[in-house]
Each structure stands twice: as structure tokens, then as C-alpha cells.
PDB file of N, CA and C in Angstrom:
ATOM      1  N   UNK A   1     -19.472 -20.247  11.561  1.00  0.00           N
ATOM      2  CA  UNK A   1     -18.226 -19.606  11.178  1.00  0.00           C
ATOM      3  C   UNK A   1     -18.503 -18.144  10.828  1.00  0.00           C
ATOM      4  N   UNK A   2     -17.686 -17.238  11.335  1.00  0.00           N
ATOM      5  CA  UNK A   2     -17.899 -15.815  11.075  1.00  0.00           C
ATOM      6  C   UNK A   2     -17.101 -15.375   9.854  1.00  0.00           C
ATOM      7  N   UNK A   3     -17.654 -14.411   9.162  1.00  0.00           N
ATOM      8  CA  UNK A   3     -16.979 -13.866   7.991  1.00  0.00           C
ATOM      9  C   UNK A   3     -15.948 -12.832   8.439  1.00  0.00           C
ATOM     10  N   UNK A   4     -14.838 -12.698   7.687  1.00  0.00           N
ATOM     11  CA  UNK A   4     -13.842 -11.683   8.025  1.00  0.00           C
ATOM     12  C   UNK A   4     -14.449 -10.279   7.915  1.00  0.00           C
ATOM     13  N   UNK A   5     -13.965  -9.370   8.737  1.00  0.00           N
ATOM     14  CA  UNK A   5     -14.472  -8.004   8.748  1.00  0.00           C
ATOM     15  C   UNK A   5     -13.641  -7.133   7.815  1.00  0.00           C
ATOM     16  N   UNK A   6     -14.296  -6.571   6.798  1.00  0.00           N
ATOM     17  CA  UNK A   6     -13.639  -5.654   5.878  1.00  0.00           C
ATOM     18  C   UNK A   6     -13.366  -4.345   6.615  1.00  0.00           C
ATOM     19  N   UNK A   7     -12.105  -3.915   6.609  1.00  0.00           N
ATOM     20  CA  UNK A   7     -11.734  -2.704   7.336  1.00  0.00           C
ATOM     21  C   UNK A   7     -11.487  -1.536   6.390  1.00  0.00           C
ATOM     22  N   UNK A   8     -10.762  -1.774   5.297  1.00  0.00           N
ATOM     23  CA  UNK A   8     -10.453  -0.703   4.357  1.00  0.00           C
ATOM     24  C   UNK A   8     -10.019  -1.303   3.024  1.00  0.00           C
ATOM     25  N   UNK A   9      -9.685  -0.434   2.099  1.00  0.00           N
ATOM     26  CA  UNK A   9      -9.198  -0.851   0.784  1.00  0.00           C
ATOM     27  C   UNK A   9      -7.849  -0.197   0.538  1.00  0.00           C
ATOM     28  N   UNK A  10      -7.020  -0.841  -0.255  1.00  0.00           N
ATOM     29  CA  UNK A  10      -5.751  -0.239  -0.658  1.00  0.00           C
ATOM     30  C   UNK A  10      -6.071   0.964  -1.541  1.00  0.00           C
ATOM     31  N   UNK A  11      -5.468   2.103  -1.231  1.00  0.00           N
ATOM     32  CA  UNK A  11      -5.721   3.315  -2.001  1.00  0.00           C
ATOM     33  C   UNK A  11      -5.091   3.275  -3.386  1.00  0.00           C
ATOM     34  N   UNK A  12      -4.188   2.338  -3.632  1.00  0.00           N
ATOM     35  CA  UNK A  12      -3.560   2.256  -4.952  1.00  0.00           C
ATOM     36  C   UNK A  12      -4.240   1.242  -5.864  1.00  0.00           C
ATOM     37  N   UNK A  13      -4.541   0.062  -5.369  1.00  0.00           N
ATOM     38  CA  UNK A  13      -5.098  -0.989  -6.235  1.00  0.00           C
ATOM     39  C   UNK A  13      -6.531  -1.374  -5.898  1.00  0.00           C
ATOM     40  N   UNK A  14      -7.031  -0.948  -4.751  1.00  0.00           N
ATOM     41  CA  UNK A  14      -8.405  -1.251  -4.383  1.00  0.00           C
ATOM     42  C   UNK A  14      -8.619  -2.592  -3.702  1.00  0.00           C
ATOM     43  N   UNK A  15      -7.529  -3.311  -3.402  1.00  0.00           N
ATOM     44  CA  UNK A  15      -7.647  -4.596  -2.715  1.00  0.00           C
ATOM     45  C   UNK A  15      -8.352  -4.414  -1.380  1.00  0.00           C
ATOM     46  N   UNK A  16      -9.285  -5.310  -1.089  1.00  0.00           N
ATOM     47  CA  UNK A  16      -9.979  -5.270   0.198  1.00  0.00           C
ATOM     48  C   UNK A  16      -9.035  -5.759   1.291  1.00  0.00           C
ATOM     49  N   UNK A  17      -8.972  -5.042   2.395  1.00  0.00           N
ATOM     50  CA  UNK A  17      -8.117  -5.399   3.522  1.00  0.00           C
ATOM     51  C   UNK A  17      -9.001  -5.685   4.731  1.00  0.00           C
ATOM     52  N   UNK A  18      -8.833  -6.864   5.273  1.00  0.00           N
ATOM     53  CA  UNK A  18      -9.685  -7.355   6.354  1.00  0.00           C
ATOM     54  C   UNK A  18      -8.965  -7.292   7.693  1.00  0.00           C
ATOM     55  N   UNK A  19      -9.733  -7.305   8.761  1.00  0.00           N
ATOM     56  CA  UNK A  19      -9.175  -7.325  10.117  1.00  0.00           C
ATOM     57  C   UNK A  19      -8.198  -8.491  10.213  1.00  0.00           C
ATOM     58  N   UNK A  20      -7.005  -8.214  10.738  1.00  0.00           N
ATOM     59  CA  UNK A  20      -5.975  -9.229  10.880  1.00  0.00           C
ATOM     60  C   UNK A  20      -4.971  -9.249   9.745  1.00  0.00           C
ATOM     61  N   UNK A  21      -5.255  -8.532   8.651  1.00  0.00           N
ATOM     62  CA  UNK A  21      -4.290  -8.453   7.556  1.00  0.00           C
ATOM     63  C   UNK A  21      -3.361  -7.257   7.789  1.00  0.00           C
ATOM     64  N   UNK A  22      -2.382  -7.086   6.922  1.00  0.00           N
ATOM     65  CA  UNK A  22      -1.406  -6.013   7.088  1.00  0.00           C
ATOM     66  C   UNK A  22      -1.554  -4.973   5.994  1.00  0.00           C
ATOM     67  N   UNK A  23      -1.235  -3.719   6.355  1.00  0.00           N
ATOM     68  CA  UNK A  23      -1.159  -2.642   5.376  1.00  0.00           C
ATOM     69  C   UNK A  23      -0.174  -1.606   5.898  1.00  0.00           C
ATOM     70  N   UNK A  24       0.273  -0.759   4.998  1.00  0.00           N
ATOM     71  CA  UNK A  24       1.134   0.366   5.364  1.00  0.00           C
ATOM     72  C   UNK A  24       0.260   1.610   5.403  1.00  0.00           C
ATOM     73  N   UNK A  25       0.387   2.409   6.452  1.00  0.00           N
ATOM     74  CA  UNK A  25      -0.316   3.687   6.555  1.00  0.00           C
ATOM     75  C   UNK A  25       0.714   4.768   6.253  1.00  0.00           C
ATOM     76  N   UNK A  26       0.647   5.319   5.057  1.00  0.00           N
ATOM     77  CA  UNK A  26       1.632   6.296   4.600  1.00  0.00           C
ATOM     78  C   UNK A  26       0.923   7.518   4.030  1.00  0.00           C
ATOM     79  N   UNK A  27       1.262   8.674   4.540  1.00  0.00           N
ATOM     80  CA  UNK A  27       0.700   9.943   4.067  1.00  0.00           C
ATOM     81  C   UNK A  27      -0.823   9.919   3.995  1.00  0.00           C
ATOM     82  N   UNK A  28      -1.436   9.315   5.008  1.00  0.00           N
ATOM     83  CA  UNK A  28      -2.887   9.269   5.074  1.00  0.00           C
ATOM     84  C   UNK A  28      -3.530   8.228   4.176  1.00  0.00           C
ATOM     85  N   UNK A  29      -2.711   7.415   3.534  1.00  0.00           N
ATOM     86  CA  UNK A  29      -3.247   6.372   2.661  1.00  0.00           C
ATOM     87  C   UNK A  29      -3.034   5.005   3.283  1.00  0.00           C
ATOM     88  N   UNK A  30      -3.852   4.068   2.864  1.00  0.00           N
ATOM     89  CA  UNK A  30      -3.734   2.676   3.259  1.00  0.00           C
ATOM     90  C   UNK A  30      -3.178   1.939   2.037  1.00  0.00           C
ATOM     91  N   UNK A  31      -2.007   1.324   2.165  1.00  0.00           N
ATOM     92  CA  UNK A  31      -1.348   0.679   1.035  1.00  0.00           C
ATOM     93  C   UNK A  31      -1.070  -0.778   1.373  1.00  0.00           C
ATOM     94  N   UNK A  32      -1.539  -1.681   0.511  1.00  0.00           N
ATOM     95  CA  UNK A  32      -1.313  -3.104   0.747  1.00  0.00           C
ATOM     96  C   UNK A  32       0.162  -3.451   0.497  1.00  0.00           C
ATOM     97  N   UNK A  33       0.658  -4.527   1.089  1.00  0.00           N
ATOM     98  CA  UNK A  33       2.058  -4.912   0.905  1.00  0.00           C
ATOM     99  C   UNK A  33       2.455  -5.101  -0.560  1.00  0.00           C
ATOM    100  N   UNK A  34       1.534  -5.556  -1.402  1.00  0.00           N
ATOM    101  CA  UNK A  34       1.850  -5.747  -2.823  1.00  0.00           C
ATOM    102  C   UNK A  34       2.093  -4.432  -3.554  1.00  0.00           C
ATOM    103  N   UNK A  35       1.559  -3.331  -3.059  1.00  0.00           N
ATOM    104  CA  UNK A  35       1.697  -2.029  -3.721  1.00  0.00           C
ATOM    105  C   UNK A  35       2.834  -1.182  -3.156  1.00  0.00           C
ATOM    106  N   UNK A  36       3.529  -1.665  -2.158  1.00  0.00           N
ATOM    107  CA  UNK A  36       4.579  -0.841  -1.544  1.00  0.00           C
ATOM    108  C   UNK A  36       5.640  -0.436  -2.560  1.00  0.00           C
ATOM    109  N   UNK A  37       6.055  -1.346  -3.429  1.00  0.00           N
ATOM    110  CA  UNK A  37       7.086  -1.016  -4.424  1.00  0.00           C
ATOM    111  C   UNK A  37       6.596   0.068  -5.377  1.00  0.00           C
ATOM    112  N   UNK A  38       5.349  -0.008  -5.796  1.00  0.00           N
ATOM    113  CA  UNK A  38       4.768   1.001  -6.678  1.00  0.00           C
ATOM    114  C   UNK A  38       4.776   2.364  -5.980  1.00  0.00           C
ATOM    115  N   UNK A  39       4.348   2.373  -4.736  1.00  0.00           N
ATOM    116  CA  UNK A  39       4.323   3.618  -3.956  1.00  0.00           C
ATOM    117  C   UNK A  39       5.731   4.201  -3.810  1.00  0.00           C
ATOM    118  N   UNK A  40       6.705   3.355  -3.430  1.00  0.00           N
ATOM    119  CA  UNK A  40       8.074   3.823  -3.205  1.00  0.00           C
ATOM    120  C   UNK A  40       8.693   4.352  -4.497  1.00  0.00           C
ATOM    121  N   UNK A  41       8.419   3.677  -5.608  1.00  0.00           N
ATOM    122  CA  UNK A  41       8.962   4.123  -6.893  1.00  0.00           C
ATOM    123  C   UNK A  41       8.450   5.514  -7.244  1.00  0.00           C
ATOM    124  N   UNK A  42       7.167   5.752  -7.038  1.00  0.00           N
ATOM    125  CA  UNK A  42       6.603   7.076  -7.310  1.00  0.00           C
ATOM    126  C   UNK A  42       7.121   8.113  -6.319  1.00  0.00           C
ATOM    127  N   UNK A  43       7.183   7.743  -5.048  1.00  0.00           N
ATOM    128  CA  UNK A  43       7.594   8.674  -3.996  1.00  0.00           C
ATOM    129  C   UNK A  43       9.038   9.145  -4.180  1.00  0.00           C
ATOM    130  N   UNK A  44       9.908   8.221  -4.556  1.00  0.00           N
ATOM    131  CA  UNK A  44      11.333   8.540  -4.670  1.00  0.00           C
ATOM    132  C   UNK A  44      11.781   8.827  -6.101  1.00  0.00           C
ATOM    133  N   UNK A  45      10.844   9.018  -7.029  1.00  0.00           N
ATOM    134  CA  UNK A  45      11.218   9.202  -8.433  1.00  0.00           C
ATOM    135  C   UNK A  45      12.153  10.395  -8.652  1.00  0.00           C
ATOM    136  N   UNK A  46      12.014  11.447  -7.882  1.00  0.00           N
ATOM    137  CA  UNK A  46      12.884  12.605  -8.070  1.00  0.00           C
ATOM    138  C   UNK A  46      14.284  12.393  -7.515  1.00  0.00           C
ATOM    139  N   UNK A  47      14.480  11.352  -6.718  1.00  0.00           N
ATOM    140  CA  UNK A  47      15.802  11.053  -6.166  1.00  0.00           C
ATOM    141  C   UNK A  47      16.604  10.117  -7.062  1.00  0.00           C
ATOM    142  N   UNK A  48      15.977   9.579  -8.105  1.00  0.00           N
ATOM    143  CA  UNK A  48      16.648   8.647  -8.995  1.00  0.00           C
ATOM    144  C   UNK A  48      17.639   9.388  -9.886  1.00  0.00           C
ATOM    145  N   UNK A  49      18.862   8.895  -9.912  1.00  0.00           N
ATOM    146  CA  UNK A  49      19.865   9.529 -10.752  1.00  0.00           C
ATOM    147  C   UNK A  49      20.798   8.483 -11.351  1.00  0.00           C
ATOM    148  N   UNK A  50      21.412   8.845 -12.460  1.00  0.00           N
ATOM    149  CA  UNK A  50      22.336   7.979 -13.157  1.00  0.00           C
ATOM    150  C   UNK A  50      23.676   7.963 -12.411  1.00  0.00           C
ATOM    151  N   UNK A  51      24.223   6.788 -12.204  1.00  0.00           N
ATOM    152  CA  UNK A  51      25.519   6.663 -11.551  1.00  0.00           C
ATOM    153  C   UNK A  51      26.586   6.767 -12.627  1.00  0.00           C
ATOM    154  N   UNK A  52      27.510   7.704 -12.455  1.00  0.00           N
ATOM    155  CA  UNK A  52      28.589   7.906 -13.443  1.00  0.00           C
ATOM    156  C   UNK A  52      29.929   7.544 -12.865  1.00  0.00           C
TER     157      UNK A  52
END
């Protein structure tokens, strides 16, 4: 049995990402699916406004 091939790490949490897994490539970073919400919250923080 062969071991999975480590390809990269999530730039936000450091999770190891192996060949065949999924990640988002955004602004030159590799982001795991679990960190997408964290990334989006930081990215769009200046667009957040109070609804009146």
C-alpha cells in the first residue's frame, strides 16, 4: 500500500494537504476548505456594514 503524497499545507491553519484532496488557491495562498470562512471574513471585513 502506498502512502498519500503530501503536496502543500494550508497557509492559514497549517493542515497538510495531500494529492487528491481539495484546496482553494487564492491570492497565491493555498487554503483548505475548513479555512475558507476565516479567509472570506478577513477579506471582506471592510465591506461589512450595519443595515439600517
